[in-house]
C-alpha atoms as a PDB file:
ATOM      1  CA  UNK A   1     174.674  54.230  92.220  1.00  0.00           C
ATOM      2  CA  UNK A   2     177.695  53.334  94.345  1.00  0.00           C
ATOM      3  CA  UNK A   3     179.551  50.031  94.328  1.00  0.00           C
ATOM      4  CA  UNK A   4     180.561  49.044  97.833  1.00  0.00           C
ATOM      5  CA  UNK A   5     181.535  45.427  97.346  1.00  0.00           C
ATOM      6  CA  UNK A   6     179.836  42.425  98.907  1.00  0.00           C
ATOM      7  CA  UNK A   7     176.334  43.036 100.196  1.00  0.00           C
ATOM      8  CA  UNK A   8     175.722  41.953 103.791  1.00  0.00           C
ATOM      9  CA  UNK A   9     172.126  43.094 104.161  1.00  0.00           C
ATOM     10  CA  UNK A  10     169.711  44.123 101.434  1.00  0.00           C
ATOM     11  CA  UNK A  11     166.117  45.290 101.787  1.00  0.00           C
ATOM     12  CA  UNK A  12     163.739  45.400  98.824  1.00  0.00           C
ATOM     13  CA  UNK A  13     160.343  47.031  99.238  1.00  0.00           C
ATOM     14  CA  UNK A  14     160.214  46.181 102.934  1.00  0.00           C
ATOM     15  CA  UNK A  15     156.918  46.977 104.628  1.00  0.00           C
ATOM     16  CA  UNK A  16     155.693  46.386 108.143  1.00  0.00           C
ATOM     17  CA  UNK A  17     152.124  46.746 109.376  1.00  0.00           C
ATOM     18  CA  UNK A  18     150.520  46.045 112.728  1.00  0.00           C
ATOM     19  CA  UNK A  19     146.949  44.948 113.551  1.00  0.00           C
ATOM     20  CA  UNK A  20     146.551  43.390 110.097  1.00  0.00           C
ATOM     21  CA  UNK A  21     142.975  43.177 108.899  1.00  0.00           C
ATOM     22  CA  UNK A  22     141.638  45.245 111.792  1.00  0.00           C
ATOM     23  CA  UNK A  23     140.110  48.740 111.707  1.00  0.00           C
ATOM     24  CA  UNK A  24     143.184  50.093 113.484  1.00  0.00           C
ATOM     25  CA  UNK A  25     145.682  48.517 111.061  1.00  0.00           C
ATOM     26  CA  UNK A  26     148.700  50.768 110.627  1.00  0.00           C
ATOM     27  CA  UNK A  27     151.687  50.528 108.309  1.00  0.00           C
ATOM     28  CA  UNK A  28     154.890  51.673 110.014  1.00  0.00           C
ATOM     29  CA  UNK A  29     157.458  50.995 107.271  1.00  0.00           C
ATOM     30  CA  UNK A  30     156.524  51.961 103.732  1.00  0.00           C
ATOM     31  CA  UNK A  31     158.567  50.096 101.137  1.00  0.00           C
ATOM     32  CA  UNK A  32     162.144  50.406 102.433  1.00  0.00           C
ATOM     33  CA  UNK A  33     165.025  49.795 100.006  1.00  0.00           C
ATOM     34  CA  UNK A  34     168.447  49.626 101.643  1.00  0.00           C
ATOM     35  CA  UNK A  35     171.824  47.996 101.124  1.00  0.00           C
ATOM     36  CA  UNK A  36     174.498  47.536 103.799  1.00  0.00           C
ATOM     37  CA  UNK A  37     177.907  46.542 102.432  1.00  0.00           C
ATOM     38  CA  UNK A  38     180.704  44.576 104.019  1.00  0.00           C
ATOM     39  CA  UNK A  39     182.763  47.617 105.012  1.00  0.00           C
ATOM     40  CA  UNK A  40     179.970  50.044 105.865  1.00  0.00           C
ATOM     41  CA  UNK A  41     180.163  52.077 109.062  1.00  0.00           C
ATOM     42  CA  UNK A  42     176.756  53.729 109.110  1.00  0.00           C
ATOM     43  CA  UNK A  43     174.345  55.562 111.383  1.00  0.00           C
ATOM     44  CA  UNK A  44     170.564  55.247 111.264  1.00  0.00           C
ATOM     45  CA  UNK A  45     168.904  58.426 112.514  1.00  0.00           C
ATOM     46  CA  UNK A  46     165.436  59.945 112.635  1.00  0.00           C
ATOM     47  CA  UNK A  47     162.946  61.542 115.011  1.00  0.00           C
ATOM     48  CA  UNK A  48     161.070  59.574 117.638  1.00  0.00           C
ATOM     49  CA  UNK A  49     158.229  57.665 116.028  1.00  0.00           C
ATOM     50  CA  UNK A  50     159.954  57.489 112.646  1.00  0.00           C
ATOM     51  CA  UNK A  51     160.076  53.692 112.669  1.00  0.00           C
ATOM     52  CA  UNK A  52     163.733  53.188 113.665  1.00  0.00           C
ATOM     53  CA  UNK A  53     162.974  50.559 116.303  1.00  0.00           C
ATOM     54  CA  UNK A  54     160.676  48.677 113.936  1.00  0.00           C
ATOM     55  CA  UNK A  55     163.293  48.790 111.190  1.00  0.00           C
ATOM     56  CA  UNK A  56     165.982  47.617 113.612  1.00  0.00           C
ATOM     57  CA  UNK A  57     163.805  44.642 114.554  1.00  0.00           C
ATOM     58  CA  UNK A  58     163.536  43.795 110.847  1.00  0.00           C
ATOM     59  CA  UNK A  59     167.275  44.193 110.273  1.00  0.00           C
ATOM     60  CA  UNK A  60     168.018  42.012 113.283  1.00  0.00           C
ATOM     61  CA  UNK A  61     165.644  39.262 112.103  1.00  0.00           C
ATOM     62  CA  UNK A  62     163.679  39.714 115.326  1.00  0.00           C
ATOM     63  CA  UNK A  63     160.463  40.214 113.378  1.00  0.00           C
ATOM     64  CA  UNK A  64     159.247  39.376 109.881  1.00  0.00           C
ATOM     65  CA  UNK A  65     158.100  42.000 107.351  1.00  0.00           C
ATOM     66  CA  UNK A  66     154.516  42.234 106.151  1.00  0.00           C
ATOM     67  CA  UNK A  67     155.725  42.563 102.558  1.00  0.00           C
ATOM     68  CA  UNK A  68     158.979  42.871 100.672  1.00  0.00           C
ATOM     69  CA  UNK A  69     162.185  40.947 101.208  1.00  0.00           C
ATOM     70  CA  UNK A  70     165.259  41.099 103.414  1.00  0.00           C
ATOM     71  CA  UNK A  71     168.393  39.341 102.215  1.00  0.00           C
ATOM     72  CA  UNK A  72     171.159  38.526 104.687  1.00  0.00           C
ATOM     73  CA  UNK A  73     174.298  37.417 102.835  1.00  0.00           C
ATOM     74  CA  UNK A  74     172.050  36.960  99.788  1.00  0.00           C
ATOM     75  CA  UNK A  75     169.707  34.601 101.633  1.00  0.00           C
ATOM     76  CA  UNK A  76     166.026  35.628 101.510  1.00  0.00           C
ATOM     77  CA  UNK A  77     164.649  35.662 105.055  1.00  0.00           C
ATOM     78  CA  UNK A  78     161.059  36.927 104.902  1.00  0.00           C
ATOM     79  CA  UNK A  79     159.546  33.440 104.661  1.00  0.00           C
ATOM     80  CA  UNK A  80     161.990  31.662 106.928  1.00  0.00           C
ATOM     81  CA  UNK A  81     160.658  29.813 109.937  1.00  0.00           C
ATOM     82  CA  UNK A  82     161.360  31.265 113.371  1.00  0.00           C
ATOM     83  CA  UNK A  83     163.980  28.553 113.938  1.00  0.00           C
ATOM     84  CA  UNK A  84     165.755  29.322 110.656  1.00  0.00           C
ATOM     85  CA  UNK A  85     165.706  33.043 111.367  1.00  0.00           C
ATOM     86  CA  UNK A  86     167.057  32.493 114.884  1.00  0.00           C
ATOM     87  CA  UNK A  87     169.915  30.311 113.630  1.00  0.00           C
ATOM     88  CA  UNK A  88     170.902  32.813 110.950  1.00  0.00           C
ATOM     89  CA  UNK A  89     170.671  35.710 113.393  1.00  0.00           C
ATOM     90  CA  UNK A  90     172.882  33.903 115.903  1.00  0.00           C
ATOM     91  CA  UNK A  91     175.519  33.105 113.307  1.00  0.00           C
ATOM     92  CA  UNK A  92     175.724  36.365 111.344  1.00  0.00           C
ATOM     93  CA  UNK A  93     174.471  39.252 113.505  1.00  0.00           C
ATOM     94  CA  UNK A  94     175.854  40.862 116.635  1.00  0.00           C
ATOM     95  CA  UNK A  95     173.843  43.191 118.889  1.00  0.00           C
ATOM     96  CA  UNK A  96     174.859  45.971 121.275  1.00  0.00           C
ATOM     97  CA  UNK A  97     172.134  47.861 123.134  1.00  0.00           C
ATOM     98  CA  UNK A  98     171.912  50.981 125.281  1.00  0.00           C
ATOM     99  CA  UNK A  99     171.548  48.690 128.284  1.00  0.00           C
ATOM    100  CA  UNK A 100     174.207  45.992 128.274  1.00  0.00           C
ATOM    101  CA  UNK A 101     171.943  43.136 129.500  1.00  0.00           C
ATOM    102  CA  UNK A 102     174.801  41.235 131.108  1.00  0.00           C
ATOM    103  CA  UNK A 103     173.991  38.277 133.326  1.00  0.00           C
ATOM    104  CA  UNK A 104     174.960  39.384 136.822  1.00  0.00           C
ATOM    105  CA  UNK A 105     175.809  35.904 138.092  1.00  0.00           C
ATOM    106  CA  UNK A 106     178.272  35.326 135.243  1.00  0.00           C
ATOM    107  CA  UNK A 107     181.848  36.535 134.916  1.00  0.00           C
ATOM    108  CA  UNK A 108     182.935  38.725 132.000  1.00  0.00           C
ATOM    109  CA  UNK A 109     184.216  35.803 129.957  1.00  0.00           C
ATOM    110  CA  UNK A 110     181.090  33.756 130.673  1.00  0.00           C
ATOM    111  CA  UNK A 111     178.930  36.655 129.473  1.00  0.00           C
ATOM    112  CA  UNK A 112     181.001  36.930 126.291  1.00  0.00           C
ATOM    113  CA  UNK A 113     180.639  33.196 125.676  1.00  0.00           C
ATOM    114  CA  UNK A 114     176.854  33.225 126.106  1.00  0.00           C
ATOM    115  CA  UNK A 115     175.949  33.401 122.354  1.00  0.00           C
ATOM    116  CA  UNK A 116     178.177  30.391 121.656  1.00  0.00           C
ATOM    117  CA  UNK A 117     176.777  28.505 124.646  1.00  0.00           C
ATOM    118  CA  UNK A 118     173.230  29.064 123.436  1.00  0.00           C
ATOM    119  CA  UNK A 119     174.148  27.591 120.066  1.00  0.00           C
ATOM    120  CA  UNK A 120     176.700  24.920 120.876  1.00  0.00           C
ATOM    121  CA  UNK A 121     176.312  24.130 124.569  1.00  0.00           C
ATOM    122  CA  UNK A 122     179.458  23.950 126.677  1.00  0.00           C
ATOM    123  CA  UNK A 123     182.149  26.141 125.083  1.00  0.00           C
ATOM    124  CA  UNK A 124     185.452  24.633 124.014  1.00  0.00           C
ATOM    125  CA  UNK A 125     188.833  25.845 125.186  1.00  0.00           C
ATOM    126  CA  UNK A 126     189.242  27.433 121.752  1.00  0.00           C
ATOM    127  CA  UNK A 127     186.002  29.348 122.319  1.00  0.00           C
ATOM    128  CA  UNK A 128     187.179  30.510 125.726  1.00  0.00           C
ATOM    129  CA  UNK A 129     190.531  31.618 124.313  1.00  0.00           C
ATOM    130  CA  UNK A 130     188.680  33.573 121.604  1.00  0.00           C
ATOM    131  CA  UNK A 131     186.483  35.253 124.239  1.00  0.00           C
ATOM    132  CA  UNK A 132     189.529  36.196 126.313  1.00  0.00           C
ATOM    133  CA  UNK A 133     191.219  37.603 123.207  1.00  0.00           C
ATOM    134  CA  UNK A 134     188.159  39.797 122.586  1.00  0.00           C
ATOM    135  CA  UNK A 135     188.145  41.003 126.182  1.00  0.00           C
ATOM    136  CA  UNK A 136     191.813  41.871 125.743  1.00  0.00           C
ATOM    137  CA  UNK A 137     190.942  43.784 122.566  1.00  0.00           C
ATOM    138  CA  UNK A 138     188.428  45.914 124.487  1.00  0.00           C
ATOM    139  CA  UNK A 139     190.926  46.551 127.297  1.00  0.00           C
ATOM    140  CA  UNK A 140     189.552  44.097 129.845  1.00  0.00           C
ATOM    141  CA  UNK A 141     192.169  41.338 129.961  1.00  0.00           C
ATOM    142  CA  UNK A 142     192.484  41.824 133.726  1.00  0.00           C
ATOM    143  CA  UNK A 143     188.712  41.541 134.226  1.00  0.00           C
ATOM    144  CA  UNK A 144     188.066  38.144 132.615  1.00  0.00           C
ATOM    145  CA  UNK A 145     186.783  36.558 135.835  1.00  0.00           C
ATOM    146  CA  UNK A 146     185.108  39.673 137.261  1.00  0.00           C
ATOM    147  CA  UNK A 147     181.319  39.917 137.505  1.00  0.00           C
ATOM    148  CA  UNK A 148     179.361  42.903 136.126  1.00  0.00           C
ATOM    149  CA  UNK A 149     178.627  44.364 139.578  1.00  0.00           C
ATOM    150  CA  UNK A 150     182.352  45.050 139.961  1.00  0.00           C
ATOM    151  CA  UNK A 151     182.670  46.809 136.577  1.00  0.00           C
ATOM    152  CA  UNK A 152     181.953  50.414 135.632  1.00  0.00           C
ATOM    153  CA  UNK A 153     179.207  51.217 133.124  1.00  0.00           C
ATOM    154  CA  UNK A 154     181.756  51.690 130.357  1.00  0.00           C
ATOM    155  CA  UNK A 155     183.472  48.403 131.202  1.00  0.00           C
ATOM    156  CA  UNK A 156     180.143  46.573 131.144  1.00  0.00           C
ATOM    157  CA  UNK A 157     179.400  48.025 127.713  1.00  0.00           C
ATOM    158  CA  UNK A 158     182.790  46.811 126.493  1.00  0.00           C
ATOM    159  CA  UNK A 159     181.950  43.310 127.714  1.00  0.00           C
ATOM    160  CA  UNK A 160     178.705  43.595 125.731  1.00  0.00           C
ATOM    161  CA  UNK A 161     180.687  44.575 122.624  1.00  0.00           C
ATOM    162  CA  UNK A 162     182.978  41.561 123.027  1.00  0.00           C
ATOM    163  CA  UNK A 163     179.893  39.361 123.450  1.00  0.00           C
ATOM    164  CA  UNK A 164     178.392  40.766 120.235  1.00  0.00           C
ATOM    165  CA  UNK A 165     181.575  39.914 118.326  1.00  0.00           C
ATOM    166  CA  UNK A 166     182.244  36.438 119.699  1.00  0.00           C
ATOM    167  CA  UNK A 167     180.391  34.709 116.857  1.00  0.00           C
ATOM    168  CA  UNK A 168     182.411  36.676 114.261  1.00  0.00           C
ATOM    169  CA  UNK A 169     179.246  38.293 112.824  1.00  0.00           C
ATOM    170  CA  UNK A 170     179.023  39.839 109.379  1.00  0.00           C
ATOM    171  CA  UNK A 171     177.030  42.795 110.760  1.00  0.00           C
ATOM    172  CA  UNK A 172     177.025  44.524 114.130  1.00  0.00           C
ATOM    173  CA  UNK A 173     173.791  46.334 115.034  1.00  0.00           C
ATOM    174  CA  UNK A 174     174.123  48.885 117.835  1.00  0.00           C
ATOM    175  CA  UNK A 175     171.015  50.522 119.335  1.00  0.00           C
ATOM    176  CA  UNK A 176     171.885  53.757 121.183  1.00  0.00           C
ATOM    177  CA  UNK A 177     175.088  52.053 122.407  1.00  0.00           C
ATOM    178  CA  UNK A 178     176.484  55.157 124.117  1.00  0.00           C
ATOM    179  CA  UNK A 179     173.212  56.514 125.488  1.00  0.00           C
ATOM    180  CA  UNK A 180     174.103  55.843 129.123  1.00  0.00           C
ATOM    181  CA  UNK A 181     177.794  56.749 128.916  1.00  0.00           C
ATOM    182  CA  UNK A 182     179.696  59.952 129.576  1.00  0.00           C
ATOM    183  CA  UNK A 183     181.310  61.651 126.587  1.00  0.00           C
ATOM    184  CA  UNK A 184     184.813  60.243 127.078  1.00  0.00           C
ATOM    185  CA  UNK A 185     183.586  56.680 127.592  1.00  0.00           C
ATOM    186  CA  UNK A 186     181.220  57.047 124.636  1.00  0.00           C
ATOM    187  CA  UNK A 187     184.146  58.119 122.456  1.00  0.00           C
ATOM    188  CA  UNK A 188     186.124  55.067 123.561  1.00  0.00           C
ATOM    189  CA  UNK A 189     183.224  52.747 122.743  1.00  0.00           C
ATOM    190  CA  UNK A 190     182.801  54.399 119.350  1.00  0.00           C
ATOM    191  CA  UNK A 191     186.486  53.878 118.587  1.00  0.00           C
ATOM    192  CA  UNK A 192     186.096  50.189 119.424  1.00  0.00           C
ATOM    193  CA  UNK A 193     183.315  49.930 116.854  1.00  0.00           C
ATOM    194  CA  UNK A 194     185.517  51.700 114.330  1.00  0.00           C
ATOM    195  CA  UNK A 195     188.467  49.413 115.018  1.00  0.00           C
ATOM    196  CA  UNK A 196     186.460  46.205 114.756  1.00  0.00           C
ATOM    197  CA  UNK A 197     184.822  47.455 111.559  1.00  0.00           C
ATOM    198  CA  UNK A 198     188.296  47.668 110.033  1.00  0.00           C
ATOM    199  CA  UNK A 199     190.083  44.720 111.613  1.00  0.00           C
ATOM    200  CA  UNK A 200     187.309  42.105 111.664  1.00  0.00           C
ATOM    201  CA  UNK A 201     185.666  42.995 108.331  1.00  0.00           C
ATOM    202  CA  UNK A 202     182.422  43.556 110.246  1.00  0.00           C
ATOM    203  CA  UNK A 203     179.849  46.021 108.918  1.00  0.00           C
ATOM    204  CA  UNK A 204     178.451  48.348 111.606  1.00  0.00           C
ATOM    205  CA  UNK A 205     175.065  50.079 111.773  1.00  0.00           C
ATOM    206  CA  UNK A 206     174.479  52.368 114.753  1.00  0.00           C
ATOM    207  CA  UNK A 207     170.993  53.609 115.638  1.00  0.00           C
ATOM    208  CA  UNK A 208     171.428  56.889 117.487  1.00  0.00           C
ATOM    209  CA  UNK A 209     169.845  60.208 118.427  1.00  0.00           C
ATOM    210  CA  UNK A 210     173.292  61.683 119.065  1.00  0.00           C
ATOM    211  CA  UNK A 211     174.268  63.945 116.132  1.00  0.00           C
ATOM    212  CA  UNK A 212     177.886  63.937 117.275  1.00  0.00           C
ATOM    213  CA  UNK A 213     177.953  60.160 116.936  1.00  0.00           C
ATOM    214  CA  UNK A 214     176.145  60.023 113.594  1.00  0.00           C
ATOM    215  CA  UNK A 215     178.400  62.706 112.113  1.00  0.00           C
ATOM    216  CA  UNK A 216     181.422  60.575 112.976  1.00  0.00           C
ATOM    217  CA  UNK A 217     180.131  57.681 110.874  1.00  0.00           C
ATOM    218  CA  UNK A 218     180.971  57.258 107.197  1.00  0.00           C
ATOM    219  CA  UNK A 219     177.328  57.157 106.179  1.00  0.00           C
ATOM    220  CA  UNK A 220     174.100  58.542 107.621  1.00  0.00           C
ATOM    221  CA  UNK A 221     170.715  57.018 106.779  1.00  0.00           C
ATOM    222  CA  UNK A 222     167.753  59.178 107.816  1.00  0.00           C
ATOM    223  CA  UNK A 223     164.333  57.633 108.420  1.00  0.00           C
ATOM    224  CA  UNK A 224     161.231  59.842 108.668  1.00  0.00           C
ATOM    225  CA  UNK A 225     157.654  58.552 108.923  1.00  0.00           C
ATOM    226  CA  UNK A 226     158.670  55.054 107.878  1.00  0.00           C
ATOM    227  CA  UNK A 227     160.592  56.119 104.782  1.00  0.00           C
ATOM    228  CA  UNK A 228     164.274  56.689 104.075  1.00  0.00           C
ATOM    229  CA  UNK A 229     164.479  60.359 103.138  1.00  0.00           C
ATOM    230  CA  UNK A 230     168.255  60.573 102.764  1.00  0.00           C
ATOM    231  CA  UNK A 231     171.262  58.282 102.593  1.00  0.00           C
ATOM    232  CA  UNK A 232     174.419  60.359 102.666  1.00  0.00           C
ATOM    233  CA  UNK A 233     178.039  59.354 102.350  1.00  0.00           C
ATOM    234  CA  UNK A 234     180.515  61.450 104.297  1.00  0.00           C
ATOM    235  CA  UNK A 235     182.920  63.375 102.073  1.00  0.00           C
ATOM    236  CA  UNK A 236     186.246  61.626 101.766  1.00  0.00           C
ATOM    237  CA  UNK A 237     184.942  58.264 102.934  1.00  0.00           C
ATOM    238  CA  UNK A 238     186.297  55.217 101.172  1.00  0.00           C
ATOM    239  CA  UNK A 239     183.070  53.319 101.753  1.00  0.00           C
ATOM    240  CA  UNK A 240     180.145  53.788  99.404  1.00  0.00           C
ATOM    241  CA  UNK A 241     176.479  53.310 100.079  1.00  0.00           C
ATOM    242  CA  UNK A 242     174.082  51.039  98.330  1.00  0.00           C
ATOM    243  CA  UNK A 243     171.239  52.103  96.119  1.00  0.00           C
ATOM    244  CA  UNK A 244     167.943  53.266  97.578  1.00  0.00           C
END
């Protein structure tokens, strides 16, 4: 057992099945136990079909488990209404995907502000200043009013990272975030995750097929056939994993 401080996300006996009650019912996740701590910088890996996408949907409160419980900041979520789950997700989770999903008609700062606009309506000047500060942090201070079509792929991904952090989330979930980037740009994006993990007290979980990326994380969680088969802490890391 390792003590890694405050728990951000905790799964207890999490199961997910599809086609419930039908002849073709299938269970994809088989009793997952997992703990993500406040300072964790972890990778989730596993072969195609292992259940990573399903687990990510559970972690991101995008879908509800069939059985078991998921606690986000010690709040049980399995029986929350869709509205409650959406509100909690918007306040405490940030998402970065392989495809940046920026709104082409919006400028960089408007894209970053989108999560706050969805929750609060028209952003305040304080919100805008915060968004500009984040764009500065990712090296895009001179691109605040530029639209995605005038940005490189790496710059667009950095806008997406700033957008994911604008709500000051407790946990950043990244799904193949460097999958469409060249090696140098991917390294830069990875270093941004690392920096924000340390400076913003934001736990990071990266879903990746890239062994180079996963080996650079402090912790590697391996999922096979809907079960966690290993949860390894990198030697010399100051962050410890939870109990599985």
